[in-house]
């Protein structure tokens, strides 16, 4: 019985540690909360309903096959339909690369902007549901401006 109590206590204590390192972003309609959870120098992104139920999660912590990433910039679109964020390598690899993702509330899915338009080189700006950034051209010294309407992924 005491082993069970110790296990529960351990889970509670470690959960509070993770919460202390969590940044919350609330959608404009207050129905969805995006949480960026710091796990050491790396991040995990969770989308939760107003009641706290996990809708979707994306883990950027290290695995045996890859280095981890940390969220550097995140924000909701003005209408609360999209949560957009940029990550960078926690190990300092590819400092020129600003991997960019967005979550679509309507589709309950994450998308990689890199997969849609090519390797992203700069932080993003949002104007309504329009994301502006810079992608790699033929090489890293050849940046190309990108404007992407997120409405396609409602």
N, C-alpha and C. Protein backbone atom coordinates (compact mmCIF):
# COMPACT_ATOMS: atom_id res chain seq x y z
N UNK A 1 0.82 -1.20 0.00
CA UNK A 1 0.00 0.00 0.00
C UNK A 1 0.86 1.25 0.00
N UNK A 2 1.93 1.29 0.79
CA UNK A 2 2.79 2.47 0.85
C UNK A 2 3.50 2.70 -0.48
N UNK A 3 3.75 1.63 -1.23
CA UNK A 3 4.37 1.77 -2.54
C UNK A 3 3.45 2.52 -3.50
N UNK A 4 2.16 2.22 -3.43
CA UNK A 4 1.17 2.90 -4.26
C UNK A 4 1.10 4.38 -3.91
N UNK A 5 1.11 4.69 -2.62
CA UNK A 5 1.07 6.09 -2.16
C UNK A 5 2.31 6.83 -2.65
N UNK A 6 3.47 6.21 -2.55
CA UNK A 6 4.71 6.83 -3.03
C UNK A 6 4.68 7.07 -4.54
N UNK A 7 4.13 6.12 -5.29
CA UNK A 7 4.01 6.28 -6.74
C UNK A 7 3.10 7.45 -7.09
N UNK A 8 1.98 7.55 -6.42
CA UNK A 8 1.05 8.66 -6.66
C UNK A 8 1.70 9.98 -6.27
N UNK A 9 2.36 10.02 -5.14
CA UNK A 9 3.04 11.24 -4.70
C UNK A 9 4.09 11.67 -5.71
N UNK A 10 4.86 10.73 -6.24
CA UNK A 10 5.87 11.03 -7.24
C UNK A 10 5.23 11.64 -8.49
N UNK A 11 4.12 11.06 -8.95
CA UNK A 11 3.44 11.59 -10.13
C UNK A 11 2.93 13.01 -9.88
N UNK A 12 2.39 13.27 -8.72
CA UNK A 12 1.89 14.60 -8.39
C UNK A 12 3.03 15.61 -8.35
N UNK A 13 4.12 15.27 -7.70
CA UNK A 13 5.26 16.19 -7.59
C UNK A 13 5.86 16.48 -8.96
N UNK A 14 6.06 15.46 -9.79
CA UNK A 14 6.63 15.70 -11.11
C UNK A 14 5.67 16.47 -12.00
N UNK A 15 4.37 16.27 -11.84
CA UNK A 15 3.40 17.04 -12.62
C UNK A 15 3.45 18.51 -12.26
N UNK A 16 3.59 18.82 -10.97
CA UNK A 16 3.69 20.23 -10.58
C UNK A 16 4.95 20.86 -11.14
N UNK A 17 6.04 20.11 -11.23
CA UNK A 17 7.27 20.64 -11.83
C UNK A 17 7.07 20.99 -13.28
N UNK A 18 6.36 20.14 -14.02
CA UNK A 18 6.10 20.41 -15.43
C UNK A 18 5.17 21.60 -15.58
N UNK A 19 4.17 21.73 -14.69
CA UNK A 19 3.25 22.86 -14.78
C UNK A 19 3.96 24.18 -14.54
N UNK A 20 4.96 24.18 -13.69
CA UNK A 20 5.69 25.41 -13.40
C UNK A 20 6.44 25.90 -14.63
N UNK A 21 6.69 25.00 -15.59
CA UNK A 21 7.43 25.36 -16.79
C UNK A 21 6.51 25.38 -18.03
N UNK A 22 5.24 25.60 -17.82
CA UNK A 22 4.26 25.57 -18.90
C UNK A 22 3.78 26.98 -19.20
N UNK A 23 3.71 27.30 -20.49
CA UNK A 23 3.17 28.59 -20.90
C UNK A 23 1.84 28.32 -21.61
N UNK A 24 0.81 29.06 -21.21
CA UNK A 24 -0.53 28.85 -21.74
C UNK A 24 -0.92 29.97 -22.70
N UNK A 25 -1.54 29.59 -23.80
CA UNK A 25 -2.06 30.52 -24.79
C UNK A 25 -3.53 30.20 -24.96
N UNK A 26 -4.40 31.15 -24.68
CA UNK A 26 -5.85 30.92 -24.75
C UNK A 26 -6.38 31.50 -26.05
N UNK A 27 -7.20 30.71 -26.75
CA UNK A 27 -7.78 31.18 -28.01
C UNK A 27 -8.72 32.36 -27.74
N UNK A 28 -8.98 33.15 -28.76
CA UNK A 28 -9.80 34.35 -28.61
C UNK A 28 -11.22 34.04 -28.14
N UNK A 29 -11.72 32.87 -28.44
CA UNK A 29 -13.07 32.50 -28.01
C UNK A 29 -13.05 31.73 -26.69
N UNK A 30 -11.87 31.58 -26.07
CA UNK A 30 -11.69 30.92 -24.76
C UNK A 30 -12.10 29.46 -24.73
N UNK A 31 -12.23 28.81 -25.87
CA UNK A 31 -12.64 27.41 -25.88
C UNK A 31 -11.48 26.44 -25.93
N UNK A 32 -10.32 26.92 -26.37
CA UNK A 32 -9.16 26.03 -26.49
C UNK A 32 -7.94 26.70 -25.88
N UNK A 33 -7.17 25.91 -25.14
CA UNK A 33 -5.94 26.38 -24.52
C UNK A 33 -4.79 25.62 -25.17
N UNK A 34 -3.81 26.36 -25.65
CA UNK A 34 -2.59 25.74 -26.15
C UNK A 34 -1.56 25.84 -25.04
N UNK A 35 -0.95 24.73 -24.69
CA UNK A 35 0.06 24.71 -23.65
C UNK A 35 1.39 24.34 -24.28
N UNK A 36 2.42 25.14 -24.00
CA UNK A 36 3.77 24.82 -24.41
C UNK A 36 4.48 24.39 -23.13
N UNK A 37 4.76 23.10 -23.05
CA UNK A 37 5.34 22.50 -21.85
C UNK A 37 6.84 22.34 -22.07
N UNK A 38 7.64 22.96 -21.20
CA UNK A 38 9.09 22.80 -21.28
C UNK A 38 9.48 21.50 -20.61
N UNK A 39 10.25 20.71 -21.33
CA UNK A 39 10.78 19.46 -20.81
C UNK A 39 12.29 19.59 -20.95
N UNK A 40 12.93 20.13 -19.92
CA UNK A 40 14.34 20.50 -20.03
C UNK A 40 14.45 21.61 -21.05
N UNK A 41 15.39 21.51 -22.00
CA UNK A 41 15.52 22.56 -23.02
C UNK A 41 14.58 22.34 -24.21
N UNK A 42 13.72 21.34 -24.14
CA UNK A 42 12.85 20.98 -25.26
C UNK A 42 11.38 21.23 -24.91
N UNK A 43 10.52 21.07 -25.89
CA UNK A 43 9.11 21.42 -25.69
C UNK A 43 8.15 20.32 -26.15
N UNK A 44 6.96 20.40 -25.59
CA UNK A 44 5.81 19.61 -26.02
C UNK A 44 4.65 20.60 -26.13
N UNK A 45 3.85 20.47 -27.18
CA UNK A 45 2.70 21.36 -27.39
C UNK A 45 1.43 20.53 -27.21
N UNK A 46 0.53 21.03 -26.36
CA UNK A 46 -0.74 20.35 -26.10
C UNK A 46 -1.87 21.32 -26.36
N UNK A 47 -2.90 20.86 -27.04
CA UNK A 47 -4.13 21.62 -27.23
C UNK A 47 -5.19 20.97 -26.38
N UNK A 48 -5.82 21.78 -25.54
CA UNK A 48 -6.82 21.26 -24.59
C UNK A 48 -8.11 22.05 -24.70
N UNK A 49 -9.20 21.36 -24.44
CA UNK A 49 -10.51 22.02 -24.40
C UNK A 49 -10.58 22.89 -23.15
N UNK A 50 -11.60 23.70 -23.05
CA UNK A 50 -11.78 24.56 -21.86
C UNK A 50 -11.94 23.72 -20.60
N UNK A 51 -12.39 22.47 -20.73
CA UNK A 51 -12.54 21.59 -19.57
C UNK A 51 -11.25 20.86 -19.23
N UNK A 52 -10.22 21.01 -20.07
CA UNK A 52 -8.92 20.39 -19.81
C UNK A 52 -8.65 19.11 -20.57
N UNK A 53 -9.61 18.62 -21.35
CA UNK A 53 -9.40 17.40 -22.12
C UNK A 53 -8.37 17.64 -23.22
N UNK A 54 -7.43 16.71 -23.38
CA UNK A 54 -6.41 16.83 -24.42
C UNK A 54 -7.05 16.56 -25.77
N UNK A 55 -6.93 17.55 -26.68
CA UNK A 55 -7.45 17.41 -28.03
C UNK A 55 -6.39 16.84 -28.97
N UNK A 56 -5.16 17.34 -28.81
CA UNK A 56 -4.04 16.92 -29.67
C UNK A 56 -2.75 17.29 -28.97
N UNK A 57 -1.71 16.51 -29.22
CA UNK A 57 -0.39 16.75 -28.59
C UNK A 57 0.69 16.52 -29.63
N UNK A 58 1.74 17.37 -29.60
CA UNK A 58 2.91 17.18 -30.48
C UNK A 58 4.14 17.28 -29.60
N UNK A 59 4.94 16.24 -29.60
CA UNK A 59 6.10 16.14 -28.72
C UNK A 59 7.37 16.43 -29.50
N UNK A 60 8.15 17.41 -29.03
CA UNK A 60 9.40 17.79 -29.68
C UNK A 60 10.62 17.41 -28.84
N UNK A 61 10.44 16.49 -27.89
CA UNK A 61 11.55 16.08 -27.05
C UNK A 61 12.42 15.08 -27.82
N UNK A 62 13.65 14.92 -27.37
CA UNK A 62 14.63 14.05 -28.05
C UNK A 62 14.18 12.61 -28.08
N UNK A 63 14.56 11.95 -29.15
CA UNK A 63 14.37 10.51 -29.26
C UNK A 63 15.70 9.92 -29.71
N UNK A 64 15.76 8.63 -29.86
CA UNK A 64 17.00 8.00 -30.32
C UNK A 64 17.35 8.42 -31.74
N UNK A 65 16.33 8.79 -32.54
CA UNK A 65 16.57 9.13 -33.95
C UNK A 65 16.76 10.63 -34.20
N UNK A 66 16.36 11.49 -33.27
CA UNK A 66 16.43 12.91 -33.56
C UNK A 66 16.75 13.75 -32.32
N UNK A 67 17.22 14.95 -32.60
CA UNK A 67 17.44 15.92 -31.53
C UNK A 67 16.12 16.59 -31.24
N UNK A 68 15.98 17.13 -30.04
CA UNK A 68 14.75 17.79 -29.67
C UNK A 68 14.66 19.21 -30.19
N UNK A 69 13.49 19.79 -30.03
CA UNK A 69 13.25 21.16 -30.45
C UNK A 69 12.57 21.92 -29.31
N UNK A 70 12.75 23.23 -29.34
CA UNK A 70 12.11 24.08 -28.34
C UNK A 70 11.26 25.12 -29.05
N UNK A 71 10.08 25.39 -28.52
CA UNK A 71 9.20 26.40 -29.12
C UNK A 71 9.75 27.78 -28.77
N UNK A 72 9.93 28.61 -29.80
CA UNK A 72 10.49 29.94 -29.57
C UNK A 72 9.47 31.06 -29.72
N UNK A 73 8.44 30.87 -30.52
CA UNK A 73 7.40 31.89 -30.74
C UNK A 73 6.10 31.16 -31.01
N UNK A 74 5.03 31.60 -30.36
CA UNK A 74 3.73 30.97 -30.55
C UNK A 74 2.63 32.01 -30.40
N UNK A 75 1.58 31.85 -31.19
CA UNK A 75 0.40 32.73 -31.05
C UNK A 75 -0.79 32.16 -31.78
N UNK A 76 -1.97 32.59 -31.33
CA UNK A 76 -3.22 32.23 -31.97
C UNK A 76 -3.53 33.22 -33.08
N UNK A 77 -4.21 32.73 -34.12
CA UNK A 77 -4.76 33.66 -35.11
C UNK A 77 -5.86 34.46 -34.41
N UNK A 78 -6.18 35.62 -34.94
CA UNK A 78 -7.14 36.53 -34.28
C UNK A 78 -8.50 35.87 -34.06
N UNK A 79 -8.93 35.00 -34.97
CA UNK A 79 -10.25 34.36 -34.83
C UNK A 79 -10.20 33.06 -34.02
N UNK A 80 -9.01 32.67 -33.54
CA UNK A 80 -8.89 31.47 -32.70
C UNK A 80 -9.02 30.16 -33.44
N UNK A 81 -8.90 30.17 -34.77
CA UNK A 81 -9.01 28.93 -35.54
C UNK A 81 -7.68 28.21 -35.73
N UNK A 82 -6.57 28.94 -35.54
CA UNK A 82 -5.25 28.36 -35.77
C UNK A 82 -4.28 28.77 -34.67
N UNK A 83 -3.47 27.82 -34.22
CA UNK A 83 -2.39 28.09 -33.28
C UNK A 83 -1.09 27.85 -34.05
N UNK A 84 -0.28 28.90 -34.17
CA UNK A 84 0.94 28.84 -34.98
C UNK A 84 2.15 28.96 -34.07
N UNK A 85 3.19 28.17 -34.36
CA UNK A 85 4.40 28.24 -33.54
C UNK A 85 5.64 27.85 -34.34
N UNK A 86 6.77 28.36 -33.87
CA UNK A 86 8.07 28.11 -34.48
C UNK A 86 8.94 27.37 -33.48
N UNK A 87 9.73 26.44 -33.97
CA UNK A 87 10.67 25.72 -33.10
C UNK A 87 12.08 25.84 -33.65
N UNK A 88 13.03 25.63 -32.76
CA UNK A 88 14.44 25.57 -33.13
C UNK A 88 15.07 24.37 -32.44
N UNK A 89 16.16 23.90 -32.97
CA UNK A 89 16.84 22.74 -32.40
C UNK A 89 17.38 23.07 -31.02
N UNK A 90 17.10 22.21 -30.06
CA UNK A 90 17.58 22.44 -28.70
C UNK A 90 19.09 22.27 -28.60
N UNK A 91 19.69 21.58 -29.57
CA UNK A 91 21.13 21.36 -29.56
C UNK A 91 21.91 22.38 -30.36
N UNK A 92 21.22 23.37 -30.91
CA UNK A 92 21.89 24.41 -31.69
C UNK A 92 22.16 24.03 -33.14
N UNK A 93 21.68 22.85 -33.57
CA UNK A 93 21.86 22.42 -34.95
C UNK A 93 20.95 23.24 -35.85
N UNK A 94 21.39 23.56 -37.02
CA UNK A 94 20.62 24.32 -38.01
C UNK A 94 20.04 25.61 -37.42
N UNK A 95 20.89 26.51 -36.91
CA UNK A 95 20.37 27.74 -36.31
C UNK A 95 19.63 28.64 -37.31
N UNK A 96 19.82 28.42 -38.59
CA UNK A 96 19.15 29.19 -39.62
C UNK A 96 17.73 28.69 -39.89
N UNK A 97 17.38 27.51 -39.38
CA UNK A 97 16.09 26.89 -39.67
C UNK A 97 15.07 27.22 -38.58
N UNK A 98 13.94 27.79 -38.96
CA UNK A 98 12.85 28.10 -38.02
C UNK A 98 11.65 27.22 -38.38
N UNK A 99 11.72 25.96 -37.98
CA UNK A 99 10.63 25.03 -38.30
C UNK A 99 9.31 25.62 -37.79
N UNK A 100 8.32 25.70 -38.65
CA UNK A 100 7.06 26.35 -38.31
C UNK A 100 5.90 25.37 -38.49
N UNK A 101 5.00 25.39 -37.52
CA UNK A 101 3.85 24.49 -37.50
C UNK A 101 2.59 25.28 -37.19
N UNK A 102 1.44 24.70 -37.53
CA UNK A 102 0.19 25.27 -37.07
C UNK A 102 -0.79 24.15 -36.76
N UNK A 103 -1.68 24.46 -35.84
CA UNK A 103 -2.74 23.54 -35.44
C UNK A 103 -4.04 24.12 -35.96
N UNK A 104 -4.84 23.32 -36.65
CA UNK A 104 -6.15 23.72 -37.13
C UNK A 104 -7.20 23.22 -36.16
N UNK A 105 -7.95 24.15 -35.57
CA UNK A 105 -9.01 23.77 -34.63
C UNK A 105 -10.08 22.94 -35.35
N UNK A 106 -10.48 23.37 -36.53
CA UNK A 106 -11.54 22.68 -37.27
C UNK A 106 -11.20 21.26 -37.65
N UNK A 107 -9.94 21.01 -37.96
CA UNK A 107 -9.50 19.67 -38.35
C UNK A 107 -8.84 18.89 -37.22
N UNK A 108 -8.60 19.58 -36.09
CA UNK A 108 -7.93 18.97 -34.94
C UNK A 108 -6.65 18.26 -35.38
N UNK A 109 -5.81 19.02 -36.09
CA UNK A 109 -4.60 18.43 -36.67
C UNK A 109 -3.48 19.46 -36.72
N UNK A 110 -2.23 18.98 -36.57
CA UNK A 110 -1.04 19.81 -36.75
C UNK A 110 -0.58 19.71 -38.20
N UNK A 111 -0.01 20.82 -38.70
CA UNK A 111 0.58 20.85 -40.03
C UNK A 111 1.96 21.47 -39.94
N UNK A 112 2.87 21.00 -40.78
CA UNK A 112 4.20 21.57 -40.88
C UNK A 112 4.25 22.52 -42.07
N UNK A 113 4.56 23.78 -41.82
CA UNK A 113 4.66 24.75 -42.91
C UNK A 113 5.83 24.36 -43.82
N UNK A 114 6.90 23.82 -43.24
CA UNK A 114 8.04 23.35 -44.03
C UNK A 114 7.59 22.32 -45.06
N UNK A 115 6.69 21.42 -44.69
CA UNK A 115 6.20 20.39 -45.61
C UNK A 115 5.33 20.98 -46.71
N UNK A 116 4.72 22.11 -46.44
CA UNK A 116 3.81 22.73 -47.41
C UNK A 116 4.55 23.61 -48.42
N UNK A 117 5.50 24.45 -47.93
CA UNK A 117 6.15 25.42 -48.82
C UNK A 117 7.66 25.29 -48.92
N UNK A 118 8.28 24.44 -48.11
CA UNK A 118 9.74 24.30 -48.13
C UNK A 118 10.33 24.75 -46.80
N UNK A 119 11.64 24.62 -46.69
CA UNK A 119 12.35 24.90 -45.44
C UNK A 119 12.20 26.37 -45.05
N UNK A 120 11.70 26.60 -43.83
CA UNK A 120 11.45 27.95 -43.34
C UNK A 120 12.72 28.51 -42.69
N UNK A 121 13.05 29.76 -43.04
CA UNK A 121 14.28 30.39 -42.56
C UNK A 121 14.07 31.44 -41.48
N UNK A 122 12.85 31.96 -41.35
CA UNK A 122 12.65 33.07 -40.43
C UNK A 122 11.39 32.88 -39.58
N UNK A 123 11.28 33.68 -38.55
CA UNK A 123 10.09 33.67 -37.72
C UNK A 123 8.90 34.12 -38.57
N UNK A 124 7.71 33.86 -38.10
CA UNK A 124 6.50 34.19 -38.85
C UNK A 124 5.84 35.46 -38.30
N UNK A 125 4.94 36.00 -39.10
CA UNK A 125 4.05 37.08 -38.68
C UNK A 125 2.66 36.65 -39.10
N UNK A 126 1.66 36.95 -38.27
CA UNK A 126 0.27 36.63 -38.59
C UNK A 126 -0.51 37.91 -38.80
N UNK A 127 -1.31 37.92 -39.85
CA UNK A 127 -2.24 39.02 -40.09
C UNK A 127 -3.57 38.34 -40.40
N UNK A 128 -4.45 38.29 -39.41
CA UNK A 128 -5.67 37.50 -39.55
C UNK A 128 -5.30 36.04 -39.62
N UNK A 129 -5.70 35.37 -40.71
CA UNK A 129 -5.34 33.97 -40.92
C UNK A 129 -4.29 33.82 -42.01
N UNK A 130 -3.52 34.89 -42.24
CA UNK A 130 -2.46 34.85 -43.24
C UNK A 130 -1.12 34.86 -42.54
N UNK A 131 -0.33 33.83 -42.83
CA UNK A 131 1.00 33.66 -42.24
C UNK A 131 2.03 34.15 -43.25
N UNK A 132 2.95 34.99 -42.81
CA UNK A 132 4.04 35.46 -43.66
C UNK A 132 5.36 35.04 -43.03
N UNK A 133 6.26 34.55 -43.88
CA UNK A 133 7.58 34.11 -43.42
C UNK A 133 8.52 34.09 -44.61
N UNK A 134 9.67 33.44 -44.45
CA UNK A 134 10.64 33.32 -45.52
C UNK A 134 11.06 31.86 -45.63
N UNK A 135 11.10 31.35 -46.85
CA UNK A 135 11.55 29.98 -47.07
C UNK A 135 12.87 29.99 -47.82
N UNK A 136 13.54 28.86 -47.79
CA UNK A 136 14.79 28.71 -48.51
C UNK A 136 14.51 28.62 -50.00
N UNK A 137 15.33 29.31 -50.79
CA UNK A 137 15.25 29.19 -52.24
C UNK A 137 16.10 28.01 -52.67
N UNK A 138 16.94 28.23 -53.66
CA UNK A 138 17.84 27.19 -54.15
C UNK A 138 18.82 26.77 -53.05
N UNK A 139 19.23 27.72 -52.22
CA UNK A 139 20.10 27.43 -51.07
C UNK A 139 19.78 28.41 -49.95
N UNK A 140 20.46 28.27 -48.82
CA UNK A 140 20.15 29.11 -47.64
C UNK A 140 20.43 30.58 -47.89
N UNK A 141 21.27 30.89 -48.87
CA UNK A 141 21.58 32.29 -49.18
C UNK A 141 20.58 32.89 -50.17
N UNK A 142 19.54 32.18 -50.48
CA UNK A 142 18.56 32.62 -51.47
C UNK A 142 17.15 32.57 -50.87
N UNK A 143 16.85 33.43 -49.86
CA UNK A 143 15.53 33.40 -49.21
C UNK A 143 14.41 33.90 -50.13
N UNK A 144 13.25 33.31 -49.96
CA UNK A 144 12.06 33.68 -50.74
C UNK A 144 10.92 34.00 -49.78
N UNK A 145 10.26 35.15 -49.95
CA UNK A 145 9.11 35.46 -49.08
C UNK A 145 7.96 34.51 -49.36
N UNK A 146 7.21 34.18 -48.30
CA UNK A 146 6.07 33.27 -48.41
C UNK A 146 4.88 33.90 -47.71
N UNK A 147 3.74 33.84 -48.35
CA UNK A 147 2.47 34.24 -47.73
C UNK A 147 1.54 33.05 -47.88
N UNK A 148 1.01 32.59 -46.76
CA UNK A 148 0.20 31.37 -46.77
C UNK A 148 -1.13 31.65 -46.05
N UNK A 149 -2.24 31.49 -46.77
CA UNK A 149 -3.56 31.63 -46.16
C UNK A 149 -3.89 30.32 -45.45
N UNK A 150 -4.08 30.39 -44.13
CA UNK A 150 -4.38 29.19 -43.36
C UNK A 150 -5.82 28.73 -43.52
N UNK A 151 -6.68 29.57 -44.09
CA UNK A 151 -8.09 29.23 -44.26
C UNK A 151 -8.31 27.92 -45.02
N UNK A 152 -7.35 27.56 -45.84
CA UNK A 152 -7.44 26.30 -46.60
C UNK A 152 -7.52 25.09 -45.66
N UNK A 153 -7.00 25.24 -44.43
CA UNK A 153 -6.95 24.13 -43.47
C UNK A 153 -7.96 24.29 -42.33
N UNK A 154 -9.04 25.01 -42.56
CA UNK A 154 -10.06 25.22 -41.52
C UNK A 154 -10.60 23.94 -41.01
